[in-house]
PDB file of N, CA and C in Angstrom:
ATOM      1  N   MET A   1       2.692  -4.803   2.258  1.00  0.00           N
ATOM      2  CA  MET A   1       2.389  -3.811   3.266  1.00  0.00           C
ATOM      3  C   MET A   1       2.927  -4.220   4.630  1.00  0.00           C
ATOM      4  N   LEU A   2       2.947  -5.520   4.875  1.00  0.00           N
ATOM      5  CA  LEU A   2       3.486  -5.967   6.157  1.00  0.00           C
ATOM      6  C   LEU A   2       4.968  -5.617   6.298  1.00  0.00           C
ATOM      7  N   MET A   3       5.678  -5.606   5.183  1.00  0.00           N
ATOM      8  CA  MET A   3       7.085  -5.250   5.224  1.00  0.00           C
ATOM      9  C   MET A   3       7.241  -3.815   5.729  1.00  0.00           C
ATOM     10  N   PHE A   4       6.405  -2.898   5.212  1.00  0.00           N
ATOM     11  CA  PHE A   4       6.491  -1.509   5.660  1.00  0.00           C
ATOM     12  C   PHE A   4       6.102  -1.389   7.127  1.00  0.00           C
ATOM     13  N   TYR A   5       5.094  -2.138   7.537  1.00  0.00           N
ATOM     14  CA  TYR A   5       4.693  -2.148   8.944  1.00  0.00           C
ATOM     15  C   TYR A   5       5.864  -2.601   9.818  1.00  0.00           C
ATOM     16  N   SER A   6       6.513  -3.689   9.405  1.00  0.00           N
ATOM     17  CA  SER A   6       7.600  -4.227  10.227  1.00  0.00           C
ATOM     18  C   SER A   6       8.767  -3.245  10.320  1.00  0.00           C
ATOM     19  N   TYR A   7       9.109  -2.595   9.201  1.00  0.00           N
ATOM     20  CA  TYR A   7      10.173  -1.584   9.246  1.00  0.00           C
ATOM     21  C   TYR A   7       9.788  -0.428  10.156  1.00  0.00           C
ATOM     22  N   TYR A   8       8.536   0.009  10.082  1.00  0.00           N
ATOM     23  CA  TYR A   8       8.060   1.100  10.925  1.00  0.00           C
ATOM     24  C   TYR A   8       8.180   0.726  12.406  1.00  0.00           C
ATOM     25  N   LYS A   9       7.684  -0.467  12.760  1.00  0.00           N
ATOM     26  CA  LYS A   9       7.736  -0.896  14.163  1.00  0.00           C
ATOM     27  C   LYS A   9       9.178  -1.025  14.638  1.00  0.00           C
ATOM     28  N   GLN A  10      10.040  -1.579  13.783  1.00  0.00           N
ATOM     29  CA  GLN A  10      11.445  -1.755  14.157  1.00  0.00           C
ATOM     30  C   GLN A  10      12.110  -0.398  14.360  1.00  0.00           C
ATOM     31  N   ALA A  11      11.774   0.557  13.498  1.00  0.00           N
ATOM     32  CA  ALA A  11      12.398   1.884  13.586  1.00  0.00           C
ATOM     33  C   ALA A  11      11.886   2.681  14.775  1.00  0.00           C
ATOM     34  N   THR A  12      10.618   2.504  15.132  1.00  0.00           N
ATOM     35  CA  THR A  12      10.044   3.319  16.205  1.00  0.00           C
ATOM     36  C   THR A  12      10.087   2.639  17.569  1.00  0.00           C
ATOM     37  N   THR A  13      10.045   1.309  17.588  1.00  0.00           N
ATOM     38  CA  THR A  13       9.979   0.583  18.862  1.00  0.00           C
ATOM     39  C   THR A  13      11.220  -0.252  19.131  1.00  0.00           C
ATOM     40  N   GLY A  14      11.896  -0.670  18.074  1.00  0.00           N
ATOM     41  CA  GLY A  14      13.035  -1.556  18.215  1.00  0.00           C
ATOM     42  C   GLY A  14      12.598  -2.996  17.960  1.00  0.00           C
ATOM     43  N   PRO A  15      13.476  -3.956  18.264  1.00  0.00           N
ATOM     44  CA  PRO A  15      13.146  -5.357  18.019  1.00  0.00           C
ATOM     45  C   PRO A  15      11.867  -5.793  18.742  1.00  0.00           C
ATOM     46  N   CYS A  16      11.184  -6.725  18.130  1.00  0.00           N
ATOM     47  CA  CYS A  16       9.930  -7.241  18.697  1.00  0.00           C
ATOM     48  C   CYS A  16      10.221  -7.934  20.029  1.00  0.00           C
ATOM     49  N   ASN A  17       9.579  -7.454  21.068  1.00  0.00           N
ATOM     50  CA  ASN A  17       9.805  -8.030  22.395  1.00  0.00           C
ATOM     51  C   ASN A  17       8.493  -8.368  23.095  1.00  0.00           C
ATOM     52  N   ILE A  18       7.444  -8.565  22.312  1.00  0.00           N
ATOM     53  CA  ILE A  18       6.146  -8.924  22.881  1.00  0.00           C
ATOM     54  C   ILE A  18       5.783 -10.330  22.405  1.00  0.00           C
ATOM     55  N   PRO A  19       4.974 -11.046  23.170  1.00  0.00           N
ATOM     56  CA  PRO A  19       4.596 -12.400  22.752  1.00  0.00           C
ATOM     57  C   PRO A  19       3.674 -12.373  21.528  1.00  0.00           C
ATOM     58  N   ARG A  20       3.765 -13.427  20.739  1.00  0.00           N
ATOM     59  CA  ARG A  20       2.924 -13.558  19.544  1.00  0.00           C
ATOM     60  C   ARG A  20       1.461 -13.675  19.968  1.00  0.00           C
ATOM     61  N   PRO A  21       0.554 -12.970  19.299  1.00  0.00           N
ATOM     62  CA  PRO A  21      -0.877 -13.093  19.614  1.00  0.00           C
ATOM     63  C   PRO A  21      -1.303 -14.560  19.523  1.00  0.00           C
ATOM     64  N   SER A  22      -2.132 -14.972  20.465  1.00  0.00           N
ATOM     65  CA  SER A  22      -2.490 -16.386  20.508  1.00  0.00           C
ATOM     66  C   SER A  22      -3.934 -16.659  20.107  1.00  0.00           C
ATOM     67  N   GLY A  23      -4.715 -15.618  19.911  1.00  0.00           N
ATOM     68  CA  GLY A  23      -6.116 -15.825  19.555  1.00  0.00           C
ATOM     69  C   GLY A  23      -6.263 -16.506  18.206  1.00  0.00           C
ATOM     70  N   PHE A  24      -7.148 -17.484  18.119  1.00  0.00           N
ATOM     71  CA  PHE A  24      -7.357 -18.233  16.891  1.00  0.00           C
ATOM     72  C   PHE A  24      -7.774 -17.309  15.738  1.00  0.00           C
ATOM     73  N   TRP A  25      -8.606 -16.341  16.023  1.00  0.00           N
ATOM     74  CA  TRP A  25      -9.138 -15.466  14.981  1.00  0.00           C
ATOM     75  C   TRP A  25      -8.269 -14.241  14.708  1.00  0.00           C
ATOM     76  N   ASP A  26      -7.201 -14.060  15.453  1.00  0.00           N
ATOM     77  CA  ASP A  26      -6.369 -12.868  15.292  1.00  0.00           C
ATOM     78  C   ASP A  26      -5.288 -13.093  14.223  1.00  0.00           C
ATOM     79  N   THR A  27      -5.718 -13.391  13.018  1.00  0.00           N
ATOM     80  CA  THR A  27      -4.753 -13.648  11.946  1.00  0.00           C
ATOM     81  C   THR A  27      -3.997 -12.374  11.566  1.00  0.00           C
ATOM     82  N   ARG A  28      -4.661 -11.229  11.639  1.00  0.00           N
ATOM     83  CA  ARG A  28      -3.998  -9.959  11.323  1.00  0.00           C
ATOM     84  C   ARG A  28      -2.884  -9.680  12.325  1.00  0.00           C
ATOM     85  N   GLY A  29      -3.194  -9.828  13.597  1.00  0.00           N
ATOM     86  CA  GLY A  29      -2.193  -9.591  14.635  1.00  0.00           C
ATOM     87  C   GLY A  29      -1.006 -10.537  14.512  1.00  0.00           C
ATOM     88  N   LYS A  30      -1.296 -11.804  14.190  1.00  0.00           N
ATOM     89  CA  LYS A  30      -0.218 -12.784  14.022  1.00  0.00           C
ATOM     90  C   LYS A  30       0.657 -12.433  12.816  1.00  0.00           C
ATOM     91  N   ALA A  31       0.039 -12.040  11.716  1.00  0.00           N
ATOM     92  CA  ALA A  31       0.800 -11.683  10.515  1.00  0.00           C
ATOM     93  C   ALA A  31       1.690 -10.472  10.786  1.00  0.00           C
ATOM     94  N   LYS A  32       1.143  -9.477  11.479  1.00  0.00           N
ATOM     95  CA  LYS A  32       1.928  -8.288  11.807  1.00  0.00           C
ATOM     96  C   LYS A  32       3.077  -8.640  12.735  1.00  0.00           C
ATOM     97  N   TRP A  33       2.805  -9.481  13.738  1.00  0.00           N
ATOM     98  CA  TRP A  33       3.847  -9.890  14.672  1.00  0.00           C
ATOM     99  C   TRP A  33       4.935 -10.676  13.940  1.00  0.00           C
ATOM    100  N   ASP A  34       4.526 -11.593  13.068  1.00  0.00           N
ATOM    101  CA  ASP A  34       5.494 -12.402  12.316  1.00  0.00           C
ATOM    102  C   ASP A  34       6.408 -11.518  11.461  1.00  0.00           C
ATOM    103  N   ALA A  35       5.817 -10.532  10.800  1.00  0.00           N
ATOM    104  CA  ALA A  35       6.608  -9.634   9.956  1.00  0.00           C
ATOM    105  C   ALA A  35       7.607  -8.843  10.789  1.00  0.00           C
ATOM    106  N   TRP A  36       7.148  -8.300  11.898  1.00  0.00           N
ATOM    107  CA  TRP A  36       8.024  -7.507  12.763  1.00  0.00           C
ATOM    108  C   TRP A  36       9.097  -8.380  13.389  1.00  0.00           C
ATOM    109  N   SER A  37       8.695  -9.531  13.894  1.00  0.00           N
ATOM    110  CA  SER A  37       9.629 -10.437  14.554  1.00  0.00           C
ATOM    111  C   SER A  37      10.702 -10.955  13.600  1.00  0.00           C
ATOM    112  N   SER A  38      10.354 -11.070  12.317  1.00  0.00           N
ATOM    113  CA  SER A  38      11.303 -11.605  11.333  1.00  0.00           C
ATOM    114  C   SER A  38      12.519 -10.697  11.142  1.00  0.00           C
ATOM    115  N   LEU A  39      12.415  -9.446  11.554  1.00  0.00           N
ATOM    116  CA  LEU A  39      13.543  -8.523  11.409  1.00  0.00           C
ATOM    117  C   LEU A  39      14.618  -8.745  12.465  1.00  0.00           C
ATOM    118  N   GLY A  40      14.299  -9.518  13.490  1.00  0.00           N
ATOM    119  CA  GLY A  40      15.293  -9.840  14.519  1.00  0.00           C
ATOM    120  C   GLY A  40      15.853  -8.608  15.190  1.00  0.00           C
ATOM    121  N   ASN A  41      17.170  -8.516  15.223  1.00  0.00           N
ATOM    122  CA  ASN A  41      17.848  -7.397  15.895  1.00  0.00           C
ATOM    123  C   ASN A  41      18.299  -6.314  14.920  1.00  0.00           C
ATOM    124  N   MET A  42      17.593  -6.148  13.819  1.00  0.00           N
ATOM    125  CA  MET A  42      17.931  -5.079  12.873  1.00  0.00           C
ATOM    126  C   MET A  42      17.925  -3.745  13.619  1.00  0.00           C
ATOM    127  N   THR A  43      18.896  -2.911  13.306  1.00  0.00           N
ATOM    128  CA  THR A  43      18.967  -1.612  13.984  1.00  0.00           C
ATOM    129  C   THR A  43      17.843  -0.697  13.497  1.00  0.00           C
ATOM    130  N   ARG A  44      17.540   0.290  14.318  1.00  0.00           N
ATOM    131  CA  ARG A  44      16.503   1.263  13.939  1.00  0.00           C
ATOM    132  C   ARG A  44      16.903   2.010  12.670  1.00  0.00           C
ATOM    133  N   GLU A  45      18.181   2.346  12.570  1.00  0.00           N
ATOM    134  CA  GLU A  45      18.670   3.075  11.405  1.00  0.00           C
ATOM    135  C   GLU A  45      18.537   2.232  10.136  1.00  0.00           C
ATOM    136  N   GLU A  46      18.876   0.947  10.237  1.00  0.00           N
ATOM    137  CA  GLU A  46      18.764   0.063   9.084  1.00  0.00           C
ATOM    138  C   GLU A  46      17.301  -0.110   8.668  1.00  0.00           C
ATOM    139  N   ALA A  47      16.399  -0.185   9.644  1.00  0.00           N
ATOM    140  CA  ALA A  47      14.971  -0.309   9.341  1.00  0.00           C
ATOM    141  C   ALA A  47      14.472   0.953   8.625  1.00  0.00           C
ATOM    142  N   MET A  48      14.902   2.128   9.093  1.00  0.00           N
ATOM    143  CA  MET A  48      14.504   3.376   8.430  1.00  0.00           C
ATOM    144  C   MET A  48      15.044   3.420   7.005  1.00  0.00           C
ATOM    145  N   LYS A  49      16.307   3.014   6.837  1.00  0.00           N
ATOM    146  CA  LYS A  49      16.928   3.021   5.515  1.00  0.00           C
ATOM    147  C   LYS A  49      16.186   2.061   4.580  1.00  0.00           C
ATOM    148  N   ASN A  50      15.891   0.869   5.044  1.00  0.00           N
ATOM    149  CA  ASN A  50      15.179  -0.111   4.223  1.00  0.00           C
ATOM    150  C   ASN A  50      13.776   0.371   3.871  1.00  0.00           C
ATOM    151  N   TYR A  51      13.114   1.018   4.815  1.00  0.00           N
ATOM    152  CA  TYR A  51      11.775   1.554   4.574  1.00  0.00           C
ATOM    153  C   TYR A  51      11.816   2.546   3.420  1.00  0.00           C
ATOM    154  N   VAL A  52      12.741   3.491   3.486  1.00  0.00           N
ATOM    155  CA  VAL A  52      12.848   4.524   2.457  1.00  0.00           C
ATOM    156  C   VAL A  52      13.223   3.901   1.107  1.00  0.00           C
ATOM    157  N   GLU A  53      14.181   2.979   1.095  1.00  0.00           N
ATOM    158  CA  GLU A  53      14.596   2.337  -0.159  1.00  0.00           C
ATOM    159  C   GLU A  53      13.434   1.578  -0.799  1.00  0.00           C
ATOM    160  N   ASP A  54      12.673   0.865   0.006  1.00  0.00           N
ATOM    161  CA  ASP A  54      11.557   0.088  -0.541  1.00  0.00           C
ATOM    162  C   ASP A  54      10.417   0.984  -1.026  1.00  0.00           C
ATOM    163  N   ILE A  55      10.185   2.101  -0.330  1.00  0.00           N
ATOM    164  CA  ILE A  55       9.182   3.063  -0.795  1.00  0.00           C
ATOM    165  C   ILE A  55       9.612   3.635  -2.146  1.00  0.00           C
ATOM    166  N   GLN A  56      10.896   3.906  -2.291  1.00  0.00           N
ATOM    167  CA  GLN A  56      11.395   4.424  -3.566  1.00  0.00           C
ATOM    168  C   GLN A  56      11.203   3.404  -4.687  1.00  0.00           C
ATOM    169  N   LEU A  57      11.389   2.112  -4.385  1.00  0.00           N
ATOM    170  CA  LEU A  57      11.150   1.065  -5.384  1.00  0.00           C
ATOM    171  C   LEU A  57       9.682   1.019  -5.786  1.00  0.00           C
ATOM    172  N   VAL A  58       8.800   1.150  -4.808  1.00  0.00           N
ATOM    173  CA  VAL A  58       7.362   1.153  -5.108  1.00  0.00           C
ATOM    174  C   VAL A  58       7.016   2.352  -5.978  1.00  0.00           C
ATOM    175  N   ASN A  59       7.570   3.517  -5.651  1.00  0.00           N
ATOM    176  CA  ASN A  59       7.317   4.714  -6.453  1.00  0.00           C
ATOM    177  C   ASN A  59       7.822   4.542  -7.878  1.00  0.00           C
ATOM    178  N   LEU A  60       8.996   3.934  -8.030  1.00  0.00           N
ATOM    179  CA  LEU A  60       9.544   3.684  -9.362  1.00  0.00           C
ATOM    180  C   LEU A  60       8.622   2.751 -10.139  1.00  0.00           C
ATOM    181  N   PHE A  61       8.147   1.703  -9.488  1.00  0.00           N
ATOM    182  CA  PHE A  61       7.227   0.770 -10.125  1.00  0.00           C
ATOM    183  C   PHE A  61       5.942   1.483 -10.539  1.00  0.00           C
ATOM    184  N   MET A  62       5.406   2.309  -9.651  1.00  0.00           N
ATOM    185  CA  MET A  62       4.161   3.016  -9.955  1.00  0.00           C
ATOM    186  C   MET A  62       4.358   3.998 -11.112  1.00  0.00           C
ATOM    187  N   ASP A  63       5.509   4.672 -11.154  1.00  0.00           N
ATOM    188  CA  ASP A  63       5.791   5.582 -12.267  1.00  0.00           C
ATOM    189  C   ASP A  63       5.862   4.813 -13.579  1.00  0.00           C
ATOM    190  N   ASN A  64       6.537   3.658 -13.566  1.00  0.00           N
ATOM    191  CA  ASN A  64       6.639   2.839 -14.772  1.00  0.00           C
ATOM    192  C   ASN A  64       5.272   2.304 -15.168  1.00  0.00           C
ATOM    193  N   TRP A  65       4.472   1.918 -14.203  1.00  0.00           N
ATOM    194  CA  TRP A  65       3.135   1.394 -14.492  1.00  0.00           C
ATOM    195  C   TRP A  65       2.279   2.475 -15.152  1.00  0.00           C
ATOM    196  N   ALA A  66       2.376   3.698 -14.652  1.00  0.00           N
ATOM    197  CA  ALA A  66       1.601   4.798 -15.242  1.00  0.00           C
ATOM    198  C   ALA A  66       2.048   5.027 -16.679  1.00  0.00           C
ATOM    199  N   SER A  67       3.335   4.930 -16.934  1.00  0.00           N
ATOM    200  CA  SER A  67       3.852   5.110 -18.290  1.00  0.00           C
ATOM    201  C   SER A  67       3.355   4.003 -19.208  1.00  0.00           C
ATOM    202  N   ILE A  68       3.417   2.761 -18.734  1.00  0.00           N
ATOM    203  CA  ILE A  68       2.941   1.622 -19.527  1.00  0.00           C
ATOM    204  C   ILE A  68       1.443   1.734 -19.751  1.00  0.00           C
ATOM    205  N   ASN A  69       0.707   2.087 -18.715  1.00  0.00           N
ATOM    206  CA  ASN A  69      -0.740   2.211 -18.821  1.00  0.00           C
ATOM    207  C   ASN A  69      -1.116   3.292 -19.829  1.00  0.00           C
ATOM    208  N   GLY A  70      -0.399   4.398 -19.815  1.00  0.00           N
ATOM    209  CA  GLY A  70      -0.659   5.458 -20.777  1.00  0.00           C
ATOM    210  C   GLY A  70      -0.376   5.002 -22.201  1.00  0.00           C
ATOM    211  N   THR A  71       0.698   4.238 -22.387  1.00  0.00           N
ATOM    212  CA  THR A  71       1.026   3.703 -23.704  1.00  0.00           C
ATOM    213  C   THR A  71      -0.057   2.749 -24.181  1.00  0.00           C
ATOM    214  N   CYS A  72      -0.548   1.901 -23.296  1.00  0.00           N
ATOM    215  CA  CYS A  72      -1.612   0.958 -23.656  1.00  0.00           C
ATOM    216  C   CYS A  72      -2.875   1.706 -24.058  1.00  0.00           C
ATOM    217  N   THR A  73      -3.178   2.788 -23.378  1.00  0.00           N
ATOM    218  CA  THR A  73      -4.364   3.575 -23.721  1.00  0.00           C
ATOM    219  C   THR A  73      -4.234   4.156 -25.126  1.00  0.00           C
ATOM    220  N   ILE A  74      -3.055   4.653 -25.457  1.00  0.00           N
ATOM    221  CA  ILE A  74      -2.812   5.211 -26.788  1.00  0.00           C
ATOM    222  C   ILE A  74      -2.946   4.118 -27.847  1.00  0.00           C
ATOM    223  N   ILE A  75      -2.349   2.949 -27.588  1.00  0.00           N
ATOM    224  CA  ILE A  75      -2.427   1.833 -28.536  1.00  0.00           C
ATOM    225  C   ILE A  75      -3.871   1.385 -28.719  1.00  0.00           C
ATOM    226  N   ASN A  76      -4.626   1.281 -27.632  1.00  0.00           N
ATOM    227  CA  ASN A  76      -6.036   0.875 -27.733  1.00  0.00           C
ATOM    228  C   ASN A  76      -6.847   1.890 -28.528  1.00  0.00           C
ATOM    229  N   THR A  77      -6.593   3.172 -28.311  1.00  0.00           N
ATOM    230  CA  THR A  77      -7.313   4.214 -29.042  1.00  0.00           C
ATOM    231  C   THR A  77      -6.979   4.143 -30.535  1.00  0.00           C
ATOM    232  N   LEU A  78      -5.696   3.973 -30.838  1.00  0.00           N
ATOM    233  CA  LEU A  78      -5.272   3.870 -32.231  1.00  0.00           C
ATOM    234  C   LEU A  78      -5.876   2.629 -32.900  1.00  0.00           C
ATOM    235  N   THR A  79      -5.900   1.510 -32.188  1.00  0.00           N
ATOM    236  CA  THR A  79      -6.500   0.280 -32.716  1.00  0.00           C
ATOM    237  C   THR A  79      -7.973   0.473 -33.000  1.00  0.00           C
ATOM    238  N   SER A  80      -8.672   1.120 -32.093  1.00  0.00           N
ATOM    239  CA  SER A  80     -10.105   1.392 -32.303  1.00  0.00           C
ATOM    240  C   SER A  80     -10.313   2.280 -33.521  1.00  0.00           C
ATOM    241  N   PHE A  81      -9.473   3.295 -33.669  1.00  0.00           N
ATOM    242  CA  PHE A  81      -9.591   4.199 -34.818  1.00  0.00           C
ATOM    243  C   PHE A  81      -9.359   3.444 -36.129  1.00  0.00           C
ATOM    244  N   LEU A  82      -8.302   2.618 -36.161  1.00  0.00           N
ATOM    245  CA  LEU A  82      -8.001   1.867 -37.377  1.00  0.00           C
ATOM    246  C   LEU A  82      -9.108   0.866 -37.704  1.00  0.00           C
ATOM    247  N   THR A  83      -9.693   0.254 -36.689  1.00  0.00           N
ATOM    248  CA  THR A  83     -10.810  -0.666 -36.908  1.00  0.00           C
ATOM    249  C   THR A  83     -11.986   0.070 -37.533  1.00  0.00           C
ATOM    250  N   LEU A  84     -12.307   1.243 -37.026  1.00  0.00           N
ATOM    251  CA  LEU A  84     -13.404   2.036 -37.602  1.00  0.00           C
ATOM    252  C   LEU A  84     -13.086   2.453 -39.030  1.00  0.00           C
ATOM    253  N   LEU A  85     -11.826   2.798 -39.263  1.00  0.00           N
ATOM    254  CA  LEU A  85     -11.423   3.197 -40.610  1.00  0.00           C
ATOM    255  C   LEU A  85     -11.572   2.048 -41.585  1.00  0.00           C
ATOM    256  N   VAL A  86     -11.151   0.867 -41.200  1.00  0.00           N
ATOM    257  CA  VAL A  86     -11.273  -0.309 -42.054  1.00  0.00           C
ATOM    258  C   VAL A  86     -12.742  -0.636 -42.299  1.00  0.00           C
ATOM    259  N   LEU A  87     -13.566  -0.564 -41.279  1.00  0.00           N
ATOM    260  CA  LEU A  87     -14.988  -0.839 -41.432  1.00  0.00           C
ATOM    261  C   LEU A  87     -15.666   0.176 -42.342  1.00  0.00           C
ATOM    262  N   ALA A  88     -15.176   1.395 -42.347  1.00  0.00           N
ATOM    263  CA  ALA A  88     -15.774   2.446 -43.189  1.00  0.00           C
ATOM    264  C   ALA A  88     -15.427   2.242 -44.655  1.00  0.00           C
ATOM    265  N   LEU A  89     -14.332   1.553 -44.920  1.00  0.00           N
ATOM    266  CA  LEU A  89     -13.931   1.334 -46.327  1.00  0.00           C
ATOM    267  C   LEU A  89     -14.754   0.262 -46.891  1.00  0.00           C
TER     268      LEU A  89
END
């Protein structure tokens, strides 16, 4: 998620030009700053392109996961049915 945050900040604000949060307890702020700062001088256009490409990869993964999950459900149902059938014999 930090990757998407960093691409968003780079695309909307440009390169990170603010100091890193210094509070001991501000781990969230530091992580967000580190992610954004790691992009360096990436252009806004490149950040937008990377954001869209990575979202598409996540969507592809989620589509494949749903397909695999559906297959597992079918296999589990079939296994349960066969177990009951064997027990009935």
